Each structure stands twice: as C-alpha cells, then as structure tokens.
Amino acid sequence: MSEGEDMADHLNRFRELANQVESLSGKVKGMEENKLVTLLSLNLPEFYQPIIMALQSRTQGLTFDSFASRLLQESARREVAHIPHPGQGQMNTPTAVWAAKYATRG
C-alpha cells in the first residue's frame, strides 16, 4: 500500500489480485483466510502495525473480511481524527494498549 492511498481502493486491488492468483492456480478452493490476512498485513504501512498486532492477537481464525473491515474502520478513524501519515507532519501513533482496546470494540 502506498502512503496516502485509500484503504478501500487498496483492499479492492488486493482482493482482485488474490482472485487472479486463485484462478491461475487451478484450485477449486481459494487461498486460506489466514494466508490472505498475513499477506495483507505484510502489505500495509508500518503505522498500521498496532492495530494489526491487536487484531491478530485477540482473534483466532481471523477472516479476511473481518480484518479488512477493521482496517477500513481504522482508516476512517484516522481521517476523522486528522492523524497524518508519516511524512505529513507530526503523527499521533496509537499505543499497543490503545490498539488492543480499539480492536475489542464491536
């Protein structure tokens, strides 16, 4: 994901690529959910690490859709709170404790 890129656009492109890989592999069943979550988490900017760690540590069997939904929520929260991305001025990096609390909310 590029700095400043829209999360929804990134998730759509990621899912499209995953679908293309699935169609090329010839398998009837798609990629395992945990592999998709891992690949997506490795493809995000570092400032998403607190929320990624919180989600992965609290949820067994984290699905791609639930992970993507939480990432969209975090992206929207950052926009509303006007938290700049690195390179755009001071960044208010949430702590791991905050991320864990945020991740456990509905």
Protein backbone atom coordinates (compact mmCIF):
# COMPACT_ATOMS: atom_id res chain seq x y z
CA MET A 1 0.00 0.00 0.00
CA SER A 2 1.35 3.38 -0.96
CA GLU A 3 1.48 6.25 1.51
CA GLY A 4 -1.73 8.26 1.29
CA GLU A 5 -3.53 5.57 -0.72
CA ASP A 6 -7.19 4.96 0.06
CA MET A 7 -7.68 1.80 2.13
CA ALA A 8 -10.83 0.75 0.26
CA ASP A 9 -9.02 1.01 -3.08
CA HIS A 10 -6.10 -0.97 -1.70
CA LEU A 11 -8.35 -3.72 -0.33
CA ASN A 12 -10.23 -3.98 -3.63
CA ARG A 13 -6.99 -4.27 -5.58
CA PHE A 14 -5.62 -6.83 -3.09
CA ARG A 15 -8.77 -8.97 -3.35
CA GLU A 16 -8.68 -8.72 -7.15
CA LEU A 17 -5.06 -9.94 -7.20
CA ALA A 18 -5.92 -12.78 -4.80
CA ASN A 19 -8.77 -13.82 -7.10
CA GLN A 20 -6.43 -13.76 -10.11
CA VAL A 21 -3.88 -15.93 -8.29
CA GLU A 22 -6.67 -18.33 -7.34
CA SER A 23 -7.87 -18.60 -10.95
CA LEU A 24 -4.30 -19.24 -12.18
CA SER A 25 -3.65 -21.94 -9.62
CA GLY A 26 -6.41 -24.17 -10.94
CA LYS A 27 -7.56 -24.97 -7.42
CA VAL A 28 -11.27 -25.13 -6.71
CA LYS A 29 -10.78 -23.71 -3.24
CA GLY A 30 -9.28 -20.24 -2.84
CA MET A 31 -6.37 -19.18 -0.66
CA GLU A 32 -6.74 -19.90 3.02
CA GLU A 33 -8.10 -16.98 5.04
CA ASN A 34 -5.08 -16.86 7.34
CA LYS A 35 -2.74 -16.59 4.35
CA LEU A 36 -4.75 -13.71 2.91
CA VAL A 37 -4.71 -11.93 6.28
CA THR A 38 -0.96 -12.44 6.60
CA LEU A 39 -0.23 -11.24 3.07
CA LEU A 40 -2.43 -8.18 3.56
CA SER A 41 -0.86 -7.32 6.91
CA LEU A 42 2.62 -7.50 5.34
CA ASN A 43 1.50 -5.12 2.61
CA LEU A 44 0.42 -2.24 4.88
CA PRO A 45 2.37 0.80 6.09
CA GLU A 46 4.10 0.48 9.44
CA PHE A 47 1.69 2.86 11.18
CA TYR A 48 -0.98 0.12 10.92
CA GLN A 49 1.16 -2.30 12.97
CA PRO A 50 -0.51 -1.60 16.36
CA ILE A 51 -3.98 -2.40 15.04
CA ILE A 52 -2.69 -5.41 13.09
CA MET A 53 -0.99 -6.85 16.17
CA ALA A 54 -4.09 -6.26 18.29
CA LEU A 55 -6.41 -7.94 15.80
CA GLN A 56 -4.17 -10.92 15.19
CA SER A 57 -3.52 -11.50 18.89
CA ARG A 58 -7.14 -11.38 20.05
CA THR A 59 -8.88 -13.27 17.31
CA GLN A 60 -8.40 -16.90 16.43
CA GLY A 61 -9.45 -17.66 12.91
CA LEU A 62 -9.43 -14.02 11.81
CA THR A 63 -11.13 -13.90 8.42
CA PHE A 64 -10.05 -11.67 5.58
CA ASP A 65 -13.41 -9.89 5.57
CA SER A 66 -13.35 -9.09 9.30
CA PHE A 67 -9.71 -7.98 9.06
CA ALA A 68 -10.49 -5.75 6.07
CA SER A 69 -13.49 -4.29 7.88
CA ARG A 70 -11.36 -3.34 10.89
CA LEU A 71 -8.73 -1.80 8.62
CA LEU A 72 -11.41 0.29 6.94
CA GLN A 73 -12.63 1.42 10.37
CA GLU A 74 -9.09 2.37 11.36
CA SER A 75 -8.58 4.25 8.11
CA ALA A 76 -11.83 6.17 8.64
CA ARG A 77 -10.87 6.90 12.25
CA ARG A 78 -7.54 8.32 11.09
CA GLU A 79 -9.29 10.54 8.56
CA VAL A 80 -11.83 11.85 11.09
CA ALA A 81 -9.13 12.41 13.72
CA HIS A 82 -6.90 14.04 11.09
CA ILE A 83 -3.97 11.84 12.05
CA PRO A 84 -1.33 12.50 9.40
CA HIS A 85 0.58 9.72 7.74
CA PRO A 86 4.36 9.68 8.17
CA GLY A 87 5.90 12.42 6.10
CA GLN A 88 2.87 14.65 6.59
CA GLY A 89 3.92 16.23 9.86
CA GLN A 90 3.66 15.05 13.46
CA MET A 91 2.00 11.70 13.84
CA ASN A 92 -0.05 10.68 16.80
CA THR A 93 0.91 7.00 16.87
CA PRO A 94 -1.57 4.98 18.94
CA THR A 95 -0.07 2.77 21.59
CA ALA A 96 -0.45 -1.00 21.56
CA VAL A 97 -2.71 -0.70 24.63
CA TRP A 98 -4.96 1.74 22.77
CA ALA A 99 -4.97 -0.53 19.72
CA ALA A 100 -5.96 -3.54 21.83
CA LYS A 101 -8.84 -1.60 23.38
CA TYR A 102 -9.94 -0.32 19.98
CA ALA A 103 -9.77 -3.78 18.42
CA THR A 104 -12.06 -5.30 21.05
CA ARG A 105 -14.87 -2.82 20.37
CA GLY A 106 -17.90 -4.02 18.40
